Amino acid sequence: MNSLKPEDTAVYYCAEPQRPYYTPIVVED
């Protein structure tokens, strides 16, 4: 993360989907 802004303030989480070979972009997946 470069050029950080105050609005970047948050808890950051990494996550993995249930299915392999799949790269979703929505939290529900």
mmCIF file of all heavy atoms, coordinates in Angstrom:
data_MODEL
# 
_entry.id   MODEL 
# 
loop_
_atom_site.group_PDB 
_atom_site.id 
_atom_site.type_symbol 
_atom_site.label_atom_id 
_atom_site.label_alt_id 
_atom_site.label_comp_id 
_atom_site.label_asym_id 
_atom_site.label_entity_id 
_atom_site.label_seq_id 
_atom_site.pdbx_PDB_ins_code 
_atom_site.Cartn_x 
_atom_site.Cartn_y 
_atom_site.Cartn_z 
_atom_site.occupancy 
_atom_site.B_iso_or_equiv 
_atom_site.pdbx_formal_charge 
_atom_site.auth_seq_id 
_atom_site.auth_comp_id 
_atom_site.auth_asym_id 
_atom_site.auth_atom_id 
_atom_site.pdbx_PDB_model_num 
ATOM 1   N N   . MET A 1 1  ? 0.847   -1.182  0.000   1.00 0.00 ? 1  MET A N   1 
ATOM 2   C CA  . MET A 1 1  ? 0.000   0.000   0.000   1.00 0.00 ? 1  MET A CA  1 
ATOM 3   C C   . MET A 1 1  ? 0.883   1.233   0.000   1.00 0.00 ? 1  MET A C   1 
ATOM 4   O O   . MET A 1 1  ? 1.650   1.454   0.934   1.00 0.00 ? 1  MET A O   1 
ATOM 5   C CB  . MET A 1 1  ? -0.922  -0.003  1.217   1.00 0.00 ? 1  MET A CB  1 
ATOM 6   C CG  . MET A 1 1  ? -1.766  -1.269  1.343   1.00 0.00 ? 1  MET A CG  1 
ATOM 7   S SD  . MET A 1 1  ? -2.931  -1.201  2.723   1.00 0.00 ? 1  MET A SD  1 
ATOM 8   C CE  . MET A 1 1  ? -1.778  -1.143  4.100   1.00 0.00 ? 1  MET A CE  1 
ATOM 9   N N   . ASN A 1 2  ? 0.762   2.022   -1.036  1.00 0.00 ? 2  ASN A N   1 
ATOM 10  C CA  . ASN A 1 2  ? 1.534   3.249   -1.188  1.00 0.00 ? 2  ASN A CA  1 
ATOM 11  C C   . ASN A 1 2  ? 0.600   4.447   -1.238  1.00 0.00 ? 2  ASN A C   1 
ATOM 12  O O   . ASN A 1 2  ? -0.593  4.319   -1.485  1.00 0.00 ? 2  ASN A O   1 
ATOM 13  C CB  . ASN A 1 2  ? 2.384   3.201   -2.453  1.00 0.00 ? 2  ASN A CB  1 
ATOM 14  C CG  . ASN A 1 2  ? 3.358   2.062   -2.467  1.00 0.00 ? 2  ASN A CG  1 
ATOM 15  O OD1 . ASN A 1 2  ? 4.060   1.816   -1.478  1.00 0.00 ? 2  ASN A OD1 1 
ATOM 16  N ND2 . ASN A 1 2  ? 3.435   1.349   -3.584  1.00 0.00 ? 2  ASN A ND2 1 
ATOM 17  N N   . SER A 1 3  ? 1.162   5.620   -1.029  1.00 0.00 ? 3  SER A N   1 
ATOM 18  C CA  . SER A 1 3  ? 0.400   6.872   -1.071  1.00 0.00 ? 3  SER A CA  1 
ATOM 19  C C   . SER A 1 3  ? -0.863  6.775   -0.226  1.00 0.00 ? 3  SER A C   1 
ATOM 20  O O   . SER A 1 3  ? -1.961  7.129   -0.663  1.00 0.00 ? 3  SER A O   1 
ATOM 21  C CB  . SER A 1 3  ? 0.053   7.225   -2.519  1.00 0.00 ? 3  SER A CB  1 
ATOM 22  O OG  . SER A 1 3  ? 1.220   7.372   -3.302  1.00 0.00 ? 3  SER A OG  1 
ATOM 23  N N   . LEU A 1 4  ? -0.709  6.307   0.980   1.00 0.00 ? 4  LEU A N   1 
ATOM 24  C CA  . LEU A 1 4  ? -1.859  6.062   1.841   1.00 0.00 ? 4  LEU A CA  1 
ATOM 25  C C   . LEU A 1 4  ? -2.575  7.352   2.206   1.00 0.00 ? 4  LEU A C   1 
ATOM 26  O O   . LEU A 1 4  ? -1.950  8.401   2.381   1.00 0.00 ? 4  LEU A O   1 
ATOM 27  C CB  . LEU A 1 4  ? -1.423  5.323   3.094   1.00 0.00 ? 4  LEU A CB  1 
ATOM 28  C CG  . LEU A 1 4  ? -1.156  3.832   2.882   1.00 0.00 ? 4  LEU A CG  1 
ATOM 29  C CD1 . LEU A 1 4  ? -0.334  3.266   4.033   1.00 0.00 ? 4  LEU A CD1 1 
ATOM 30  C CD2 . LEU A 1 4  ? -2.473  3.074   2.744   1.00 0.00 ? 4  LEU A CD2 1 
ATOM 31  N N   . LYS A 1 5  ? -3.886  7.236   2.326   1.00 0.00 ? 5  LYS A N   1 
ATOM 32  C CA  . LYS A 1 5  ? -4.761  8.349   2.649   1.00 0.00 ? 5  LYS A CA  1 
ATOM 33  C C   . LYS A 1 5  ? -5.507  8.050   3.940   1.00 0.00 ? 5  LYS A C   1 
ATOM 34  O O   . LYS A 1 5  ? -5.708  6.885   4.284   1.00 0.00 ? 5  LYS A O   1 
ATOM 35  C CB  . LYS A 1 5  ? -5.770  8.579   1.519   1.00 0.00 ? 5  LYS A CB  1 
ATOM 36  C CG  . LYS A 1 5  ? -5.161  8.791   0.152   1.00 0.00 ? 5  LYS A CG  1 
ATOM 37  C CD  . LYS A 1 5  ? -6.238  8.862   -0.915  1.00 0.00 ? 5  LYS A CD  1 
ATOM 38  C CE  . LYS A 1 5  ? -5.649  9.052   -2.293  1.00 0.00 ? 5  LYS A CE  1 
ATOM 39  N NZ  . LYS A 1 5  ? -6.702  9.105   -3.337  1.00 0.00 ? 5  LYS A NZ  1 
ATOM 40  N N   . PRO A 1 6  ? -5.963  9.072   4.654   1.00 0.00 ? 6  PRO A N   1 
ATOM 41  C CA  . PRO A 1 6  ? -6.743  8.817   5.868   1.00 0.00 ? 6  PRO A CA  1 
ATOM 42  C C   . PRO A 1 6  ? -7.949  7.924   5.628   1.00 0.00 ? 6  PRO A C   1 
ATOM 43  O O   . PRO A 1 6  ? -8.311  7.143   6.517   1.00 0.00 ? 6  PRO A O   1 
ATOM 44  C CB  . PRO A 1 6  ? -7.154  10.218  6.315   1.00 0.00 ? 6  PRO A CB  1 
ATOM 45  C CG  . PRO A 1 6  ? -6.055  11.093  5.818   1.00 0.00 ? 6  PRO A CG  1 
ATOM 46  C CD  . PRO A 1 6  ? -5.659  10.504  4.492   1.00 0.00 ? 6  PRO A CD  1 
ATOM 47  N N   . GLU A 1 7  ? -8.569  8.012   4.475   1.00 0.00 ? 7  GLU A N   1 
ATOM 48  C CA  . GLU A 1 7  ? -9.723  7.182   4.185   1.00 0.00 ? 7  GLU A CA  1 
ATOM 49  C C   . GLU A 1 7  ? -9.377  5.709   3.993   1.00 0.00 ? 7  GLU A C   1 
ATOM 50  O O   . GLU A 1 7  ? -10.273 4.871   3.873   1.00 0.00 ? 7  GLU A O   1 
ATOM 51  C CB  . GLU A 1 7  ? -10.488 7.698   2.959   1.00 0.00 ? 7  GLU A CB  1 
ATOM 52  C CG  . GLU A 1 7  ? -9.616  7.950   1.746   1.00 0.00 ? 7  GLU A CG  1 
ATOM 53  C CD  . GLU A 1 7  ? -9.204  9.405   1.610   1.00 0.00 ? 7  GLU A CD  1 
ATOM 54  O OE1 . GLU A 1 7  ? -8.815  10.020  2.619   1.00 0.00 ? 7  GLU A OE1 1 
ATOM 55  O OE2 . GLU A 1 7  ? -9.278  9.932   0.478   1.00 0.00 ? 7  GLU A OE2 1 
ATOM 56  N N   . ASP A 1 8  ? -8.095  5.376   3.958   1.00 0.00 ? 8  ASP A N   1 
ATOM 57  C CA  . ASP A 1 8  ? -7.677  3.982   3.936   1.00 0.00 ? 8  ASP A CA  1 
ATOM 58  C C   . ASP A 1 8  ? -7.690  3.347   5.320   1.00 0.00 ? 8  ASP A C   1 
ATOM 59  O O   . ASP A 1 8  ? -7.476  2.139   5.446   1.00 0.00 ? 8  ASP A O   1 
ATOM 60  C CB  . ASP A 1 8  ? -6.270  3.850   3.346   1.00 0.00 ? 8  ASP A CB  1 
ATOM 61  C CG  . ASP A 1 8  ? -6.198  4.251   1.883   1.00 0.00 ? 8  ASP A CG  1 
ATOM 62  O OD1 . ASP A 1 8  ? -7.110  3.892   1.114   1.00 0.00 ? 8  ASP A OD1 1 
ATOM 63  O OD2 . ASP A 1 8  ? -5.213  4.922   1.511   1.00 0.00 ? 8  ASP A OD2 1 
ATOM 64  N N   . THR A 1 9  ? -7.915  4.133   6.343   1.00 0.00 ? 9  THR A N   1 
ATOM 65  C CA  . THR A 1 9  ? -7.932  3.629   7.708   1.00 0.00 ? 9  THR A CA  1 
ATOM 66  C C   . THR A 1 9  ? -9.039  2.596   7.876   1.00 0.00 ? 9  THR A C   1 
ATOM 67  O O   . THR A 1 9  ? -10.209 2.870   7.606   1.00 0.00 ? 9  THR A O   1 
ATOM 68  C CB  . THR A 1 9  ? -8.121  4.773   8.703   1.00 0.00 ? 9  THR A CB  1 
ATOM 69  O OG1 . THR A 1 9  ? -6.997  5.652   8.631   1.00 0.00 ? 9  THR A OG1 1 
ATOM 70  C CG2 . THR A 1 9  ? -8.256  4.243   10.126  1.00 0.00 ? 9  THR A CG2 1 
ATOM 71  N N   . ALA A 1 10 ? -8.670  1.405   8.325   1.00 0.00 ? 10 ALA A N   1 
ATOM 72  C CA  . ALA A 1 10 ? -9.622  0.309   8.481   1.00 0.00 ? 10 ALA A CA  1 
ATOM 73  C C   . ALA A 1 10 ? -8.886  -0.900  9.032   1.00 0.00 ? 10 ALA A C   1 
ATOM 74  O O   . ALA A 1 10 ? -7.652  -0.919  9.102   1.00 0.00 ? 10 ALA A O   1 
ATOM 75  C CB  . ALA A 1 10 ? -10.278 -0.043  7.144   1.00 0.00 ? 10 ALA A CB  1 
ATOM 76  N N   . VAL A 1 11 ? -9.658  -1.906  9.394   1.00 0.00 ? 11 VAL A N   1 
ATOM 77  C CA  . VAL A 1 11 ? -9.094  -3.226  9.637   1.00 0.00 ? 11 VAL A CA  1 
ATOM 78  C C   . VAL A 1 11 ? -9.053  -3.948  8.303   1.00 0.00 ? 11 VAL A C   1 
ATOM 79  O O   . VAL A 1 11 ? -10.060 -4.021  7.596   1.00 0.00 ? 11 VAL A O   1 
ATOM 80  C CB  . VAL A 1 11 ? -9.917  -4.022  10.659  1.00 0.00 ? 11 VAL A CB  1 
ATOM 81  C CG1 . VAL A 1 11 ? -9.349  -5.429  10.822  1.00 0.00 ? 11 VAL A CG1 1 
ATOM 82  C CG2 . VAL A 1 11 ? -9.930  -3.298  12.000  1.00 0.00 ? 11 VAL A CG2 1 
ATOM 83  N N   . TYR A 1 12 ? -7.902  -4.484  7.966   1.00 0.00 ? 12 TYR A N   1 
ATOM 84  C CA  . TYR A 1 12 ? -7.720  -5.171  6.695   1.00 0.00 ? 12 TYR A CA  1 
ATOM 85  C C   . TYR A 1 12 ? -7.713  -6.677  6.914   1.00 0.00 ? 12 TYR A C   1 
ATOM 86  O O   . TYR A 1 12 ? -7.023  -7.184  7.805   1.00 0.00 ? 12 TYR A O   1 
ATOM 87  C CB  . TYR A 1 12 ? -6.417  -4.733  6.033   1.00 0.00 ? 12 TYR A CB  1 
ATOM 88  C CG  . TYR A 1 12 ? -6.521  -3.384  5.374   1.00 0.00 ? 12 TYR A CG  1 
ATOM 89  C CD1 . TYR A 1 12 ? -6.635  -2.225  6.147   1.00 0.00 ? 12 TYR A CD1 1 
ATOM 90  C CD2 . TYR A 1 12 ? -6.532  -3.253  3.986   1.00 0.00 ? 12 TYR A CD2 1 
ATOM 91  C CE1 . TYR A 1 12 ? -6.761  -0.984  5.555   1.00 0.00 ? 12 TYR A CE1 1 
ATOM 92  C CE2 . TYR A 1 12 ? -6.647  -2.012  3.389   1.00 0.00 ? 12 TYR A CE2 1 
ATOM 93  C CZ  . TYR A 1 12 ? -6.763  -0.885  4.171   1.00 0.00 ? 12 TYR A CZ  1 
ATOM 94  O OH  . TYR A 1 12 ? -6.888  0.353   3.580   1.00 0.00 ? 12 TYR A OH  1 
ATOM 95  N N   . TYR A 1 13 ? -8.477  -7.375  6.089   1.00 0.00 ? 13 TYR A N   1 
ATOM 96  C CA  . TYR A 1 13 ? -8.636  -8.814  6.194   1.00 0.00 ? 13 TYR A CA  1 
ATOM 97  C C   . TYR A 1 13 ? -8.200  -9.492  4.900   1.00 0.00 ? 13 TYR A C   1 
ATOM 98  O O   . TYR A 1 13 ? -8.524  -9.006  3.815   1.00 0.00 ? 13 TYR A O   1 
ATOM 99  C CB  . TYR A 1 13 ? -10.099 -9.200  6.431   1.00 0.00 ? 13 TYR A CB  1 
ATOM 100 C CG  . TYR A 1 13 ? -10.720 -8.619  7.674   1.00 0.00 ? 13 TYR A CG  1 
ATOM 101 C CD1 . TYR A 1 13 ? -11.328 -7.373  7.659   1.00 0.00 ? 13 TYR A CD1 1 
ATOM 102 C CD2 . TYR A 1 13 ? -10.715 -9.343  8.868   1.00 0.00 ? 13 TYR A CD2 1 
ATOM 103 C CE1 . TYR A 1 13 ? -11.913 -6.849  8.796   1.00 0.00 ? 13 TYR A CE1 1 
ATOM 104 C CE2 . TYR A 1 13 ? -11.300 -8.827  10.007  1.00 0.00 ? 13 TYR A CE2 1 
ATOM 105 C CZ  . TYR A 1 13 ? -11.898 -7.582  9.974   1.00 0.00 ? 13 TYR A CZ  1 
ATOM 106 O OH  . TYR A 1 13 ? -12.477 -7.071  11.108  1.00 0.00 ? 13 TYR A OH  1 
ATOM 107 N N   . CYS A 1 14 ? -7.521  -10.609 5.018   1.00 0.00 ? 14 CYS A N   1 
ATOM 108 C CA  . CYS A 1 14 ? -7.349  -11.465 3.857   1.00 0.00 ? 14 CYS A CA  1 
ATOM 109 C C   . CYS A 1 14 ? -8.401  -12.552 3.897   1.00 0.00 ? 14 CYS A C   1 
ATOM 110 O O   . CYS A 1 14 ? -8.919  -12.906 4.959   1.00 0.00 ? 14 CYS A O   1 
ATOM 111 C CB  . CYS A 1 14 ? -5.938  -12.053 3.771   1.00 0.00 ? 14 CYS A CB  1 
ATOM 112 S SG  . CYS A 1 14 ? -5.476  -13.182 5.094   1.00 0.00 ? 14 CYS A SG  1 
ATOM 113 N N   . ALA A 1 15 ? -8.727  -13.085 2.734   1.00 0.00 ? 15 ALA A N   1 
ATOM 114 C CA  . ALA A 1 15 ? -9.819  -14.039 2.642   1.00 0.00 ? 15 ALA A CA  1 
ATOM 115 C C   . ALA A 1 15 ? -9.600  -14.985 1.468   1.00 0.00 ? 15 ALA A C   1 
ATOM 116 O O   . ALA A 1 15 ? -8.900  -14.655 0.509   1.00 0.00 ? 15 ALA A O   1 
ATOM 117 C CB  . ALA A 1 15 ? -11.159 -13.314 2.482   1.00 0.00 ? 15 ALA A CB  1 
ATOM 118 N N   . GLU A 1 16 ? -10.230 -16.150 1.567   1.00 0.00 ? 16 GLU A N   1 
ATOM 119 C CA  . GLU A 1 16 ? -10.150 -17.169 0.529   1.00 0.00 ? 16 GLU A CA  1 
ATOM 120 C C   . GLU A 1 16 ? -11.545 -17.688 0.237   1.00 0.00 ? 16 GLU A C   1 
ATOM 121 O O   . GLU A 1 16 ? -12.317 -17.940 1.160   1.00 0.00 ? 16 GLU A O   1 
ATOM 122 C CB  . GLU A 1 16 ? -9.244  -18.312 0.989   1.00 0.00 ? 16 GLU A CB  1 
ATOM 123 C CG  . GLU A 1 16 ? -8.985  -19.361 -0.069  1.00 0.00 ? 16 GLU A CG  1 
ATOM 124 C CD  . GLU A 1 16 ? -8.013  -20.421 0.417   1.00 0.00 ? 16 GLU A CD  1 
ATOM 125 O OE1 . GLU A 1 16 ? -6.806  -20.150 0.457   1.00 0.00 ? 16 GLU A OE1 1 
ATOM 126 O OE2 . GLU A 1 16 ? -8.486  -21.523 0.771   1.00 0.00 ? 16 GLU A OE2 1 
ATOM 127 N N   . PRO A 1 17 ? -11.908 -17.879 -1.032  1.00 0.00 ? 17 PRO A N   1 
ATOM 128 C CA  . PRO A 1 17 ? -13.222 -18.427 -1.363  1.00 0.00 ? 17 PRO A CA  1 
ATOM 129 C C   . PRO A 1 17 ? -13.284 -19.920 -1.123  1.00 0.00 ? 17 PRO A C   1 
ATOM 130 O O   . PRO A 1 17 ? -12.256 -20.588 -0.964  1.00 0.00 ? 17 PRO A O   1 
ATOM 131 C CB  . PRO A 1 17 ? -13.374 -18.101 -2.851  1.00 0.00 ? 17 PRO A CB  1 
ATOM 132 C CG  . PRO A 1 17 ? -11.964 -18.080 -3.359  1.00 0.00 ? 17 PRO A CG  1 
ATOM 133 C CD  . PRO A 1 17 ? -11.137 -17.517 -2.237  1.00 0.00 ? 17 PRO A CD  1 
ATOM 134 N N   . GLN A 1 18 ? -14.481 -20.456 -1.130  1.00 0.00 ? 18 GLN A N   1 
ATOM 135 C CA  . GLN A 1 18 ? -14.667 -21.877 -0.897  1.00 0.00 ? 18 GLN A CA  1 
ATOM 136 C C   . GLN A 1 18 ? -14.157 -22.715 -2.062  1.00 0.00 ? 18 GLN A C   1 
ATOM 137 O O   . GLN A 1 18 ? -13.587 -23.789 -1.855  1.00 0.00 ? 18 GLN A O   1 
ATOM 138 C CB  . GLN A 1 18 ? -16.147 -22.178 -0.639  1.00 0.00 ? 18 GLN A CB  1 
ATOM 139 C CG  . GLN A 1 18 ? -16.456 -23.645 -0.378  1.00 0.00 ? 18 GLN A CG  1 
ATOM 140 C CD  . GLN A 1 18 ? -15.834 -24.134 0.906   1.00 0.00 ? 18 GLN A CD  1 
ATOM 141 O OE1 . GLN A 1 18 ? -15.838 -23.438 1.917   1.00 0.00 ? 18 GLN A OE1 1 
ATOM 142 N NE2 . GLN A 1 18 ? -15.284 -25.343 0.867   1.00 0.00 ? 18 GLN A NE2 1 
ATOM 143 N N   . ARG A 1 19 ? -14.380 -22.256 -3.271  1.00 0.00 ? 19 ARG A N   1 
ATOM 144 C CA  . ARG A 1 19 ? -14.057 -23.039 -4.453  1.00 0.00 ? 19 ARG A CA  1 
ATOM 145 C C   . ARG A 1 19 ? -12.665 -22.723 -4.972  1.00 0.00 ? 19 ARG A C   1 
ATOM 146 O O   . ARG A 1 19 ? -12.247 -21.560 -4.987  1.00 0.00 ? 19 ARG A O   1 
ATOM 147 C CB  . ARG A 1 19 ? -15.088 -22.795 -5.556  1.00 0.00 ? 19 ARG A CB  1 
ATOM 148 C CG  . ARG A 1 19 ? -16.514 -23.172 -5.169  1.00 0.00 ? 19 ARG A CG  1 
ATOM 149 C CD  . ARG A 1 19 ? -17.434 -23.124 -6.374  1.00 0.00 ? 19 ARG A CD  1 
ATOM 150 N NE  . ARG A 1 19 ? -17.535 -21.789 -6.950  1.00 0.00 ? 19 ARG A NE  1 
ATOM 151 C CZ  . ARG A 1 19 ? -18.337 -20.836 -6.500  1.00 0.00 ? 19 ARG A CZ  1 
ATOM 152 N NH1 . ARG A 1 19 ? -19.109 -21.059 -5.452  1.00 0.00 ? 19 ARG A NH1 1 
ATOM 153 N NH2 . ARG A 1 19 ? -18.370 -19.662 -7.102  1.00 0.00 ? 19 ARG A NH2 1 
ATOM 154 N N   . PRO A 1 20 ? -11.941 -23.727 -5.430  1.00 0.00 ? 20 PRO A N   1 
ATOM 155 C CA  . PRO A 1 20 ? -10.636 -23.491 -6.039  1.00 0.00 ? 20 PRO A CA  1 
ATOM 156 C C   . PRO A 1 20 ? -10.770 -22.903 -7.432  1.00 0.00 ? 20 PRO A C   1 
ATOM 157 O O   . PRO A 1 20 ? -11.841 -22.949 -8.052  1.00 0.00 ? 20 PRO A O   1 
ATOM 158 C CB  . PRO A 1 20 ? -10.015 -24.891 -6.075  1.00 0.00 ? 20 PRO A CB  1 
ATOM 159 C CG  . PRO A 1 20 ? -11.193 -25.809 -6.202  1.00 0.00 ? 20 PRO A CG  1 
ATOM 160 C CD  . PRO A 1 20 ? -12.292 -25.167 -5.397  1.00 0.00 ? 20 PRO A CD  1 
ATOM 161 N N   . TYR A 1 21 ? -9.693  -22.352 -7.925  1.00 0.00 ? 21 TYR A N   1 
ATOM 162 C CA  . TYR A 1 21 ? -9.621  -21.791 -9.273  1.00 0.00 ? 21 TYR A CA  1 
ATOM 163 C C   . TYR A 1 21 ? -10.745 -20.782 -9.508  1.00 0.00 ? 21 TYR A C   1 
ATOM 164 O O   . TYR A 1 21 ? -11.440 -20.808 -10.531 1.00 0.00 ? 21 TYR A O   1 
ATOM 165 C CB  . TYR A 1 21 ? -9.643  -22.906 -10.324 1.00 0.00 ? 21 TYR A CB  1 
ATOM 166 C CG  . TYR A 1 21 ? -8.603  -23.957 -10.064 1.00 0.00 ? 21 TYR A CG  1 
ATOM 167 C CD1 . TYR A 1 21 ? -8.955  -25.238 -9.654  1.00 0.00 ? 21 TYR A CD1 1 
ATOM 168 C CD2 . TYR A 1 21 ? -7.249  -23.654 -10.204 1.00 0.00 ? 21 TYR A CD2 1 
ATOM 169 C CE1 . TYR A 1 21 ? -7.984  -26.191 -9.389  1.00 0.00 ? 21 TYR A CE1 1 
ATOM 170 C CE2 . TYR A 1 21 ? -6.277  -24.605 -9.941  1.00 0.00 ? 21 TYR A CE2 1 
ATOM 171 C CZ  . TYR A 1 21 ? -6.655  -25.872 -9.535  1.00 0.00 ? 21 TYR A CZ  1 
ATOM 172 O OH  . TYR A 1 21 ? -5.687  -26.815 -9.280  1.00 0.00 ? 21 TYR A OH  1 
ATOM 173 N N   . TYR A 1 22 ? -10.888 -19.892 -8.565  1.00 0.00 ? 22 TYR A N   1 
ATOM 174 C CA  . TYR A 1 22 ? -11.974 -18.920 -8.561  1.00 0.00 ? 22 TYR A CA  1 
ATOM 175 C C   . TYR A 1 22 ? -11.495 -17.675 -7.842  1.00 0.00 ? 22 TYR A C   1 
ATOM 176 O O   . TYR A 1 22 ? -10.953 -17.760 -6.737  1.00 0.00 ? 22 TYR A O   1 
ATOM 177 C CB  . TYR A 1 22 ? -13.188 -19.535 -7.867  1.00 0.00 ? 22 TYR A CB  1 
ATOM 178 C CG  . TYR A 1 22 ? -14.400 -18.658 -7.751  1.00 0.00 ? 22 TYR A CG  1 
ATOM 179 C CD1 . TYR A 1 22 ? -14.950 -18.033 -8.862  1.00 0.00 ? 22 TYR A CD1 1 
ATOM 180 C CD2 . TYR A 1 22 ? -15.018 -18.485 -6.519  1.00 0.00 ? 22 TYR A CD2 1 
ATOM 181 C CE1 . TYR A 1 22 ? -16.082 -17.246 -8.749  1.00 0.00 ? 22 TYR A CE1 1 
ATOM 182 C CE2 . TYR A 1 22 ? -16.153 -17.703 -6.394  1.00 0.00 ? 22 TYR A CE2 1 
ATOM 183 C CZ  . TYR A 1 22 ? -16.682 -17.088 -7.515  1.00 0.00 ? 22 TYR A CZ  1 
ATOM 184 O OH  . TYR A 1 22 ? -17.805 -16.312 -7.399  1.00 0.00 ? 22 TYR A OH  1 
ATOM 185 N N   . THR A 1 23 ? -11.709 -16.529 -8.455  1.00 0.00 ? 23 THR A N   1 
ATOM 186 C CA  . THR A 1 23 ? -11.222 -15.271 -7.890  1.00 0.00 ? 23 THR A CA  1 
ATOM 187 C C   . THR A 1 23 ? -12.339 -14.240 -7.877  1.00 0.00 ? 23 THR A C   1 
ATOM 188 O O   . THR A 1 23 ? -12.393 -13.351 -8.728  1.00 0.00 ? 23 THR A O   1 
ATOM 189 C CB  . THR A 1 23 ? -10.017 -14.741 -8.688  1.00 0.00 ? 23 THR A CB  1 
ATOM 190 O OG1 . THR A 1 23 ? -9.090  -15.790 -8.939  1.00 0.00 ? 23 THR A OG1 1 
ATOM 191 C CG2 . THR A 1 23 ? -9.328  -13.629 -7.909  1.00 0.00 ? 23 THR A CG2 1 
ATOM 192 N N   . PRO A 1 24 ? -13.244 -14.338 -6.917  1.00 0.00 ? 24 PRO A N   1 
ATOM 193 C CA  . PRO A 1 24 ? -14.332 -13.362 -6.833  1.00 0.00 ? 24 PRO A CA  1 
ATOM 194 C C   . PRO A 1 24 ? -13.871 -12.036 -6.258  1.00 0.00 ? 24 PRO A C   1 
ATOM 195 O O   . PRO A 1 24 ? -12.776 -11.928 -5.678  1.00 0.00 ? 24 PRO A O   1 
ATOM 196 C CB  . PRO A 1 24 ? -15.330 -14.049 -5.896  1.00 0.00 ? 24 PRO A CB  1 
ATOM 197 C CG  . PRO A 1 24 ? -14.461 -14.893 -5.011  1.00 0.00 ? 24 PRO A CG  1 
ATOM 198 C CD  . PRO A 1 24 ? -13.334 -15.366 -5.893  1.00 0.00 ? 24 PRO A CD  1 
ATOM 199 N N   . ILE A 1 25 ? -14.728 -11.032 -6.400  1.00 0.00 ? 25 ILE A N   1 
ATOM 200 C CA  . ILE A 1 25 ? -14.428 -9.710  -5.865  1.00 0.00 ? 25 ILE A CA  1 
ATOM 201 C C   . ILE A 1 25 ? -15.502 -9.205  -4.920  1.00 0.00 ? 25 ILE A C   1 
ATOM 202 O O   . ILE A 1 25 ? -15.440 -8.061  -4.471  1.00 0.00 ? 25 ILE A O   1 
ATOM 203 C CB  . ILE A 1 25 ? -14.204 -8.680  -6.993  1.00 0.00 ? 25 ILE A CB  1 
ATOM 204 C CG1 . ILE A 1 25 ? -15.462 -8.520  -7.855  1.00 0.00 ? 25 ILE A CG1 1 
ATOM 205 C CG2 . ILE A 1 25 ? -13.014 -9.092  -7.860  1.00 0.00 ? 25 ILE A CG2 1 
ATOM 206 C CD1 . ILE A 1 25 ? -15.370 -7.382  -8.850  1.00 0.00 ? 25 ILE A CD1 1 
ATOM 207 N N   . VAL A 1 26 ? -16.483 -10.033 -4.594  1.00 0.00 ? 26 VAL A N   1 
ATOM 208 C CA  . VAL A 1 26 ? -17.537 -9.651  -3.666  1.00 0.00 ? 26 VAL A CA  1 
ATOM 209 C C   . VAL A 1 26 ? -17.355 -10.398 -2.364  1.00 0.00 ? 26 VAL A C   1 
ATOM 210 O O   . VAL A 1 26 ? -16.969 -11.568 -2.337  1.00 0.00 ? 26 VAL A O   1 
ATOM 211 C CB  . VAL A 1 26 ? -18.940 -9.901  -4.256  1.00 0.00 ? 26 VAL A CB  1 
ATOM 212 C CG1 . VAL A 1 26 ? -19.159 -9.017  -5.470  1.00 0.00 ? 26 VAL A CG1 1 
ATOM 213 C CG2 . VAL A 1 26 ? -19.123 -11.361 -4.632  1.00 0.00 ? 26 VAL A CG2 1 
ATOM 214 N N   . VAL A 1 27 ? -17.663 -9.747  -1.273  1.00 0.00 ? 27 VAL A N   1 
ATOM 215 C CA  . VAL A 1 27 ? -17.418 -10.305 0.046   1.00 0.00 ? 27 VAL A CA  1 
ATOM 216 C C   . VAL A 1 27 ? -18.190 -11.596 0.276   1.00 0.00 ? 27 VAL A C   1 
ATOM 217 O O   . VAL A 1 27 ? -17.703 -12.503 0.961   1.00 0.00 ? 27 VAL A O   1 
ATOM 218 C CB  . VAL A 1 27 ? -17.729 -9.257  1.134   1.00 0.00 ? 27 VAL A CB  1 
ATOM 219 C CG1 . VAL A 1 27 ? -19.213 -8.901  1.148   1.00 0.00 ? 27 VAL A CG1 1 
ATOM 220 C CG2 . VAL A 1 27 ? -17.268 -9.740  2.497   1.00 0.00 ? 27 VAL A CG2 1 
ATOM 221 N N   . GLU A 1 28 ? -19.380 -11.697 -0.306  1.00 0.00 ? 28 GLU A N   1 
ATOM 222 C CA  . GLU A 1 28 ? -20.233 -12.861 -0.073  1.00 0.00 ? 28 GLU A CA  1 
ATOM 223 C C   . GLU A 1 28 ? -19.642 -14.154 -0.620  1.00 0.00 ? 28 GLU A C   1 
ATOM 224 O O   . GLU A 1 28 ? -20.051 -15.241 -0.200  1.00 0.00 ? 28 GLU A O   1 
ATOM 225 C CB  . GLU A 1 28 ? -21.617 -12.635 -0.681  1.00 0.00 ? 28 GLU A CB  1 
ATOM 226 C CG  . GLU A 1 28 ? -22.446 -11.566 0.020   1.00 0.00 ? 28 GLU A CG  1 
ATOM 227 C CD  . GLU A 1 28 ? -22.092 -10.157 -0.419  1.00 0.00 ? 28 GLU A CD  1 
ATOM 228 O OE1 . GLU A 1 28 ? -21.270 -9.999  -1.347  1.00 0.00 ? 28 GLU A OE1 1 
ATOM 229 O OE2 . GLU A 1 28 ? -22.642 -9.209  0.175   1.00 0.00 ? 28 GLU A OE2 1 
ATOM 230 N N   . ASP A 1 29 ? -18.720 -14.068 -1.551  1.00 0.00 ? 29 ASP A N   1 
ATOM 231 C CA  . ASP A 1 29 ? -18.140 -15.256 -2.163  1.00 0.00 ? 29 ASP A CA  1 
ATOM 232 C C   . ASP A 1 29 ? -16.898 -15.762 -1.441  1.00 0.00 ? 29 ASP A C   1 
ATOM 233 O O   . ASP A 1 29 ? -16.314 -16.765 -1.859  1.00 0.00 ? 29 ASP A O   1 
ATOM 234 C CB  . ASP A 1 29 ? -17.809 -14.987 -3.627  1.00 0.00 ? 29 ASP A CB  1 
ATOM 235 C CG  . ASP A 1 29 ? -19.056 -14.871 -4.493  1.00 0.00 ? 29 ASP A CG  1 
ATOM 236 O OD1 . ASP A 1 29 ? -20.125 -15.362 -4.072  1.00 0.00 ? 29 ASP A OD1 1 
ATOM 237 O OD2 . ASP A 1 29 ? -18.962 -14.300 -5.592  1.00 0.00 ? 29 ASP A OD2 1 
# 
